[in-house]
Amino acid sequence: MNRRRGVIFIAALGVIVVLTGLALVFAQSMRTEAMASANRRSQAQADSIELGAEQWVMAQVDAYQPDAMTIQQVPAEAIQVGTGYFWIMQFNPDNDSDAGRLYGITDESSKLNINSATSVQLQSLPGDLEQNVADAITDWRNTTNKATSDGAETDYYQSLTEPYECKNASFETVEEMLLVEGVTPAVLWGNGQNVVDMNRDGVLSAPERQASGFNSQFTGAQSGGIDGRGLYNYLTCYTTTPGSGRTPAITGQVNINTASDVVLVALGMSANAAQQIVNERVGNIYTDKSWATNIINPLLQPLLTGQSSQYSADIVAVSGDGRAFKRVRIVVDASTAPSRIVYRKDLTSFGWPLPDAIKQQLASGKPIQPGTSTNNANP
């Protein structure tokens, strides 16, 4: 009898252990599902905020078009949407560190257009671009299947392991340059030898500098130096000045009101004149180029404009709890009303580009204040 009771007791203990194990497994499963559900909810919020940011960008462009100077200066840091936020990162040609971050919409006409730039102009940008590579870039867009100078044509591309034709037509994206002979990721996003700006945010973080061995700040185009962030942020393929009546549209004019001195020098302007242009713009808002007539070389007048129709935005959206983010780059064409998005690329896979302190602050339930987005504890 006692033996039977002992067996029953042991069996009961076994049942309890099994049930306890099942309860723990179920609890762990529920906990995992709850976390996954929270992550999905946060990601959905980040996605929605990013889409809202796209609409915000188009609204700003429509409101101030064609005043590119004002559009670029509209505050775009830590804009709150519900409990989440979005930022629009803007390339700073004068500072490659996190402390020099800028936020705002970018005028594409402040860049050099690869569909109209000459080989000499391309070589004048930071990066020490070799002549044969610059020639290959211009040959890629030429309508004739004939190489100029040291450029490459179909016979070269057909000889590759995975052959393809030379396009002999306009570039449709800046990334398309990677199909051109000699153009590597290091050329577009690095110092020409090592890829530096790995997440393509226009900032050289400490890990990026270490990984590439590029530990100094760039010296600028005027002094023959290089920019460790590559050529990408100085180039575009979207700028077109709309025609009117019998006047045809013009491709590639640079906006003198928004272009950096680096781009103005590459266009053919002297370093002194370019710096004078940049200095004169400080504190002023110009909507044409007449104010700079006495500074501009008459030969450069046809290459310059004072208005723009295409703008880009590098959007970073984050959920209110800091769990999820979305990063997307768009190009907006405002040559017709209302404006429309003509290019959209998801950059989320490149990782979180802003200070880690932002996500940590959101995770702790604290709001983000504009003006604090450059305080990066983990650059």
Protein backbone atom coordinates (compact mmCIF):
# COMPACT_ATOMS: atom_id res chain seq x y z
CA MET A 1 0.00 0.00 0.00
CA ASN A 2 2.78 2.41 0.94
CA ARG A 3 4.59 1.49 -2.26
CA ARG A 4 1.47 2.35 -4.29
CA ARG A 5 1.19 5.72 -2.57
CA GLY A 6 4.86 6.40 -3.31
CA VAL A 7 4.35 5.61 -6.97
CA ILE A 8 1.34 7.92 -7.14
CA PHE A 9 3.29 10.68 -5.40
CA ILE A 10 6.21 10.36 -7.80
CA ALA A 11 3.83 10.29 -10.77
CA ALA A 12 2.13 13.42 -9.47
CA LEU A 13 5.49 15.15 -9.09
CA GLY A 14 6.33 14.15 -12.66
CA VAL A 15 3.05 15.60 -13.92
CA ILE A 16 3.71 18.81 -11.99
CA VAL A 17 7.23 19.09 -13.46
CA VAL A 18 5.89 18.52 -16.98
CA LEU A 19 3.10 21.05 -16.51
CA THR A 20 5.52 23.57 -15.02
CA GLY A 21 7.84 23.08 -17.98
CA LEU A 22 4.98 23.55 -20.41
CA ALA A 23 3.89 26.68 -18.56
CA LEU A 24 7.43 28.11 -18.73
CA VAL A 25 7.70 27.28 -22.43
CA PHE A 26 4.31 28.86 -23.07
CA ALA A 27 5.26 31.94 -21.05
CA GLN A 28 8.53 32.28 -22.97
CA SER A 29 6.66 31.86 -26.24
CA MET A 30 4.15 34.53 -25.23
CA ARG A 31 6.94 36.85 -24.14
CA THR A 32 8.72 36.37 -27.47
CA GLU A 33 5.47 36.96 -29.36
CA ALA A 34 4.76 40.09 -27.32
CA MET A 35 8.23 41.47 -28.12
CA ALA A 36 7.85 40.59 -31.80
CA SER A 37 4.43 42.25 -31.85
CA ALA A 38 5.86 45.37 -30.23
CA ASN A 39 8.68 45.44 -32.78
CA ARG A 40 6.23 45.06 -35.67
CA ARG A 41 4.10 47.86 -34.26
CA SER A 42 7.17 50.09 -33.89
CA GLN A 43 8.31 49.32 -37.42
CA ALA A 44 4.86 50.12 -38.76
CA GLN A 45 4.99 53.44 -36.92
CA ALA A 46 8.44 54.25 -38.32
CA ASP A 47 7.25 53.36 -41.83
CA SER A 48 4.21 55.64 -41.45
CA ILE A 49 6.31 58.51 -40.14
CA GLU A 50 8.70 58.17 -43.09
CA LEU A 51 5.81 58.30 -45.57
CA GLY A 52 4.51 61.37 -43.76
CA ALA A 53 7.95 62.95 -44.05
CA GLU A 54 7.85 62.45 -47.82
CA GLN A 55 4.57 64.37 -47.98
CA TRP A 56 6.06 67.06 -45.72
CA VAL A 57 9.01 67.47 -48.10
CA MET A 58 6.74 67.89 -51.12
CA ALA A 59 4.60 70.39 -49.21
CA GLN A 60 7.67 72.52 -48.40
CA VAL A 61 8.87 72.40 -51.98
CA ASP A 62 5.44 73.40 -53.32
CA ALA A 63 5.12 76.19 -50.75
CA TYR A 64 8.44 77.90 -51.52
CA GLN A 65 9.16 76.85 -55.11
CA PRO A 66 11.35 78.08 -56.84
CA ASP A 67 13.10 79.74 -53.86
CA ALA A 68 15.77 77.07 -53.33
CA MET A 69 17.59 79.01 -50.61
CA THR A 70 14.50 79.12 -48.38
CA ILE A 71 13.62 75.48 -49.12
CA GLN A 72 17.09 74.37 -48.01
CA GLN A 73 16.83 76.39 -44.80
CA VAL A 74 13.45 75.03 -43.63
CA PRO A 75 14.19 73.36 -40.23
CA ALA A 76 14.16 69.57 -40.60
CA GLU A 77 15.58 68.24 -37.35
CA ALA A 78 13.63 66.09 -34.87
CA ILE A 79 10.22 66.91 -36.35
CA GLN A 80 7.64 65.14 -34.18
CA VAL A 81 4.88 63.00 -35.72
CA GLY A 82 2.73 61.44 -33.01
CA THR A 83 5.20 60.00 -30.53
CA GLY A 84 7.89 59.46 -33.20
CA TYR A 85 10.23 61.79 -35.08
CA PHE A 86 11.90 62.31 -38.41
CA TRP A 87 15.07 64.03 -39.56
CA ILE A 88 16.22 65.02 -43.05
CA MET A 89 19.98 64.76 -43.28
CA GLN A 90 21.77 67.35 -45.39
CA PHE A 91 25.34 67.00 -46.69
CA ASN A 92 27.80 69.48 -45.18
CA PRO A 93 30.64 70.15 -47.67
CA ASP A 94 32.59 72.06 -45.01
CA ASN A 95 32.61 69.45 -42.26
CA ASP A 96 32.83 65.66 -42.40
CA SER A 97 32.36 64.99 -38.68
CA ASP A 98 29.23 64.25 -36.69
CA ALA A 99 29.56 67.62 -34.95
CA GLY A 100 29.02 69.30 -38.31
CA ARG A 101 25.73 67.63 -39.19
CA LEU A 102 23.19 69.70 -41.10
CA TYR A 103 19.48 69.01 -41.50
CA GLY A 104 17.26 70.13 -44.36
CA ILE A 105 16.06 69.53 -47.91
CA THR A 106 18.82 69.52 -50.54
CA ASP A 107 18.72 71.46 -53.80
CA GLU A 108 19.86 69.05 -56.51
CA SER A 109 20.92 72.06 -58.59
CA SER A 110 23.60 72.75 -56.00
CA LYS A 111 25.46 69.77 -57.50
CA LEU A 112 27.29 68.95 -60.72
CA ASN A 113 25.13 67.08 -63.23
CA ILE A 114 26.87 63.97 -64.60
CA ASN A 115 24.79 64.20 -67.79
CA SER A 116 26.35 67.53 -68.75
CA ALA A 117 29.64 67.79 -66.81
CA THR A 118 32.86 67.67 -68.80
CA SER A 119 35.74 65.35 -68.04
CA VAL A 120 37.75 68.30 -66.71
CA GLN A 121 34.93 69.36 -64.37
CA LEU A 122 34.63 65.83 -63.00
CA GLN A 123 38.37 65.69 -62.37
CA SER A 124 38.13 68.98 -60.47
CA LEU A 125 35.95 67.47 -57.74
CA PRO A 126 37.55 66.09 -54.55
CA GLY A 127 38.77 62.55 -55.01
CA ASP A 128 41.60 62.84 -57.56
CA LEU A 129 39.52 61.21 -60.29
CA GLU A 130 41.80 59.91 -63.02
CA GLN A 131 41.31 61.22 -66.56
CA ASN A 132 40.54 57.82 -68.04
CA VAL A 133 37.73 57.33 -65.48
CA ALA A 134 36.33 60.81 -66.09
CA ASP A 135 36.45 60.17 -69.85
CA ALA A 136 34.70 56.84 -69.36
CA ILE A 137 31.89 58.61 -67.48
CA THR A 138 31.31 61.09 -70.30
CA ASP A 139 31.54 58.30 -72.90
CA TRP A 140 28.88 56.27 -71.09
CA ARG A 141 26.30 58.98 -71.77
CA ASN A 142 27.48 59.91 -75.28
CA THR A 143 24.93 58.96 -77.94
CA THR A 144 27.66 57.70 -80.29
CA ASN A 145 29.35 54.35 -79.74
CA LYS A 146 32.79 55.91 -80.01
CA ALA A 147 35.27 56.49 -77.21
CA THR A 148 36.80 59.91 -76.67
CA SER A 149 40.36 60.24 -75.39
CA ASP A 150 40.92 57.57 -72.68
CA GLY A 151 37.25 56.65 -72.32
CA ALA A 152 35.67 53.21 -72.66
CA GLU A 153 33.06 51.97 -75.09
CA THR A 154 31.11 48.81 -75.90
CA ASP A 155 34.18 46.76 -76.90
CA TYR A 156 35.52 47.11 -73.35
CA TYR A 157 32.24 46.28 -71.59
CA GLN A 158 31.64 43.31 -73.91
CA SER A 159 35.03 41.88 -72.87
CA LEU A 160 34.01 41.63 -69.20
CA THR A 161 33.20 38.30 -67.51
CA GLU A 162 29.58 39.42 -67.38
CA PRO A 163 29.39 41.54 -70.56
CA TYR A 164 26.96 44.38 -71.20
CA GLU A 165 26.56 47.28 -73.62
CA CYS A 166 27.82 50.82 -73.09
CA LYS A 167 24.61 52.73 -72.50
CA ASN A 168 25.27 55.70 -74.81
CA ALA A 169 22.43 57.56 -73.15
CA SER A 170 21.89 59.74 -70.10
CA PHE A 171 22.49 58.50 -66.57
CA GLU A 172 19.22 57.83 -64.73
CA THR A 173 20.76 57.61 -61.24
CA VAL A 174 24.12 58.55 -59.78
CA GLU A 175 24.57 54.92 -58.65
CA GLU A 176 24.50 53.93 -62.33
CA MET A 177 28.07 55.23 -62.48
CA LEU A 178 29.15 51.93 -60.90
CA LEU A 179 28.63 50.34 -64.33
CA VAL A 180 31.31 52.63 -65.81
CA GLU A 181 34.90 51.48 -66.16
CA GLY A 182 36.99 52.58 -63.18
CA VAL A 183 34.09 53.79 -61.03
CA THR A 184 34.07 51.80 -57.78
CA PRO A 185 32.17 52.19 -54.49
CA ALA A 186 35.36 53.79 -53.15
CA VAL A 187 35.14 56.46 -55.85
CA LEU A 188 31.51 57.27 -55.05
CA TRP A 189 31.56 56.94 -51.25
CA GLY A 190 35.21 56.90 -50.23
CA ASN A 191 38.59 58.50 -50.74
CA GLY A 192 39.28 56.70 -54.00
CA GLN A 193 41.16 53.82 -52.39
CA ASN A 194 39.13 52.65 -49.41
CA VAL A 195 35.39 52.91 -48.89
CA VAL A 196 34.98 55.30 -45.97
CA ASP A 197 31.42 56.60 -45.71
CA MET A 198 30.02 53.09 -45.41
CA ASN A 199 26.47 54.08 -44.43
CA ARG A 200 26.44 56.98 -46.93
CA ASP A 201 25.29 59.58 -44.43
CA GLY A 202 27.86 62.23 -45.35
CA VAL A 203 29.67 61.86 -42.01
CA LEU A 204 32.90 60.03 -41.25
CA SER A 205 32.41 58.26 -37.92
CA ALA A 206 35.32 56.97 -35.85
CA PRO A 207 34.68 53.32 -36.88
CA GLU A 208 34.55 54.32 -40.56
CA ARG A 209 37.85 56.18 -40.28
CA GLN A 210 39.46 53.25 -38.48
CA ALA A 211 38.19 50.64 -40.93
CA SER A 212 39.59 52.54 -43.92
CA GLY A 213 42.74 54.01 -42.45
CA PHE A 214 41.51 57.49 -43.42
CA ASN A 215 41.97 59.40 -40.19
CA SER A 216 42.26 63.03 -41.27
CA GLN A 217 39.65 65.54 -42.34
CA PHE A 218 39.49 66.31 -46.04
CA THR A 219 41.33 69.36 -47.38
CA GLY A 220 38.92 70.42 -50.10
CA ALA A 221 38.91 70.64 -53.86
CA GLN A 222 40.51 74.07 -54.10
CA SER A 223 43.79 72.88 -52.61
CA GLY A 224 43.85 69.66 -54.60
CA GLY A 225 42.80 67.61 -51.58
CA ILE A 226 40.33 64.77 -51.26
CA ASP A 227 37.06 64.20 -49.49
CA GLY A 228 36.90 60.87 -47.69
CA ARG A 229 33.16 60.78 -48.38
CA GLY A 230 33.66 60.38 -52.13
CA LEU A 231 32.00 62.05 -55.11
CA TYR A 232 28.39 61.00 -54.58
CA ASN A 233 27.20 64.06 -52.64
CA TYR A 234 28.63 66.44 -55.25
CA LEU A 235 26.84 64.80 -58.18
CA THR A 236 23.30 64.57 -59.54
CA CYS A 237 21.53 63.55 -62.73
CA TYR A 238 18.16 65.18 -62.09
CA THR A 239 18.65 68.91 -62.64
CA THR A 240 16.68 70.34 -65.53
CA THR A 241 15.61 73.94 -65.99
CA PRO A 242 12.14 73.80 -67.63
CA GLY A 243 11.79 75.44 -71.01
CA SER A 244 9.05 77.87 -71.99
CA GLY A 245 7.60 78.59 -75.41
CA ARG A 246 10.35 78.06 -77.96
CA THR A 247 13.03 77.97 -75.25
CA PRO A 248 14.15 74.37 -74.73
CA ALA A 249 14.78 72.84 -71.33
CA ILE A 250 18.36 73.06 -70.08
CA THR A 251 20.07 70.17 -68.33
CA GLY A 252 22.72 70.63 -65.67
CA GLN A 253 22.66 74.30 -64.72
CA VAL A 254 24.11 74.87 -61.23
CA ASN A 255 22.23 77.13 -58.82
CA ILE A 256 24.63 79.86 -57.75
CA ASN A 257 22.47 80.54 -54.68
CA THR A 258 22.94 77.06 -53.18
CA ALA A 259 26.06 75.47 -54.71
CA SER A 260 29.09 74.93 -52.50
CA ASP A 261 32.44 76.49 -53.34
CA VAL A 262 33.65 72.96 -54.21
CA VAL A 263 31.05 72.63 -56.99
CA LEU A 264 31.55 76.19 -58.21
CA VAL A 265 35.29 75.60 -58.55
CA ALA A 266 34.68 72.33 -60.39
CA LEU A 267 32.34 74.20 -62.75
CA GLY A 268 35.24 76.46 -63.73
CA MET A 269 35.09 79.35 -61.26
CA SER A 270 38.23 80.58 -59.51
CA ALA A 271 38.62 79.70 -55.83
CA ASN A 272 38.47 83.38 -54.86
CA ALA A 273 35.29 84.03 -56.84
CA ALA A 274 33.64 80.89 -55.45
CA GLN A 275 34.43 81.91 -51.88
CA GLN A 276 33.16 85.42 -52.57
CA ILE A 277 29.87 83.95 -53.79
CA VAL A 278 29.49 81.80 -50.68
CA ASN A 279 30.34 84.69 -48.34
CA GLU A 280 27.89 87.06 -50.05
CA ARG A 281 25.03 84.58 -49.64
CA VAL A 282 25.31 84.49 -45.84
CA GLY A 283 22.27 86.20 -44.31
CA ASN A 284 20.63 86.83 -47.68
CA ILE A 285 17.92 85.15 -49.74
CA TYR A 286 18.28 85.31 -53.52
CA THR A 287 15.90 83.90 -56.12
CA ASP A 288 17.90 84.72 -59.26
CA LYS A 289 21.55 85.13 -60.27
CA SER A 290 21.57 88.83 -61.12
CA TRP A 291 23.18 89.77 -57.78
CA ALA A 292 26.36 87.90 -58.78
CA THR A 293 26.72 89.24 -62.32
CA ASN A 294 29.85 91.22 -61.44
CA ILE A 295 31.49 88.16 -59.87
CA ILE A 296 30.69 85.51 -62.46
CA ASN A 297 32.93 85.04 -65.47
CA PRO A 298 30.71 85.75 -68.52
CA LEU A 299 31.75 82.40 -70.01
CA LEU A 300 30.15 80.64 -67.05
CA GLN A 301 26.84 82.50 -67.18
CA PRO A 302 25.07 79.83 -69.32
CA LEU A 303 26.08 77.13 -66.81
CA LEU A 304 24.49 78.92 -63.85
CA THR A 305 20.94 79.58 -62.71
CA GLY A 306 19.24 81.22 -59.75
CA GLN A 307 16.28 78.86 -59.46
CA SER A 308 15.76 75.13 -59.07
CA SER A 309 13.11 72.53 -59.80
CA GLN A 310 14.52 69.32 -58.29
CA TYR A 311 15.18 68.59 -54.62
CA SER A 312 16.26 65.58 -52.60
CA ALA A 313 15.70 64.47 -49.02
CA ASP A 314 17.56 61.82 -46.99
CA ILE A 315 14.83 60.94 -44.49
CA VAL A 316 15.38 59.13 -41.19
CA ALA A 317 12.22 58.26 -39.24
CA VAL A 318 12.14 56.58 -35.82
CA SER A 319 9.32 55.18 -33.69
CA GLY A 320 8.44 56.82 -30.40
CA ASP A 321 9.96 54.00 -28.36
CA GLY A 322 13.23 53.98 -30.32
CA ARG A 323 12.75 50.33 -31.32
CA ALA A 324 12.54 50.80 -35.10
CA PHE A 325 13.60 53.24 -37.80
CA LYS A 326 13.27 53.75 -41.55
CA ARG A 327 15.66 55.61 -43.84
CA VAL A 328 14.70 56.57 -47.39
CA ARG A 329 16.19 58.95 -49.94
CA ILE A 330 13.82 60.64 -52.37
CA VAL A 331 14.17 63.10 -55.24
CA VAL A 332 11.25 65.48 -55.83
CA ASP A 333 10.56 67.14 -59.17
CA ALA A 334 8.77 70.47 -58.83
CA SER A 335 8.91 71.47 -62.50
CA THR A 336 5.16 70.81 -62.60
CA ALA A 337 2.58 71.41 -59.89
CA PRO A 338 2.03 69.60 -57.66
CA SER A 339 5.52 68.21 -57.16
CA ARG A 340 6.12 64.48 -57.56
CA ILE A 341 8.68 61.92 -56.41
CA VAL A 342 10.84 60.72 -59.31
CA TYR A 343 13.31 58.61 -57.31
CA ARG A 344 12.98 56.64 -54.09
CA LYS A 345 15.59 54.35 -52.49
CA ASP A 346 15.35 52.52 -49.17
CA LEU A 347 18.62 52.96 -47.23
CA THR A 348 17.51 51.32 -43.98
CA SER A 349 19.88 48.38 -44.52
CA PHE A 350 22.88 50.69 -44.11
CA GLY A 351 22.08 51.01 -40.42
CA TRP A 352 21.11 53.78 -38.01
CA PRO A 353 22.94 56.94 -39.21
CA LEU A 354 22.22 59.36 -36.34
CA PRO A 355 23.61 59.49 -32.79
CA ASP A 356 22.83 56.38 -30.74
CA ALA A 357 21.82 58.69 -27.89
CA ILE A 358 18.61 59.51 -29.79
CA LYS A 359 17.30 55.96 -29.65
CA GLN A 360 18.44 55.57 -26.06
CA GLN A 361 16.61 58.74 -25.08
CA LEU A 362 13.40 57.57 -26.78
CA ALA A 363 13.67 54.15 -25.16
CA SER A 364 13.81 55.85 -21.77
CA GLY A 365 10.61 57.78 -22.55
CA LYS A 366 12.25 61.20 -22.96
CA PRO A 367 11.31 63.54 -25.84
CA ILE A 368 13.87 64.72 -28.40
CA GLN A 369 14.59 68.43 -28.66
CA PRO A 370 15.78 70.03 -31.94
CA GLY A 371 19.39 71.08 -31.73
CA THR A 372 20.54 68.00 -29.82
CA SER A 373 20.97 65.60 -32.73
CA THR A 374 24.70 66.12 -33.04
CA ASN A 375 25.50 65.17 -29.47
CA ASN A 376 26.68 61.69 -30.33
CA ALA A 377 28.14 59.67 -27.51
CA ASN A 378 29.14 56.95 -29.97
CA PRO A 379 30.42 58.70 -33.11
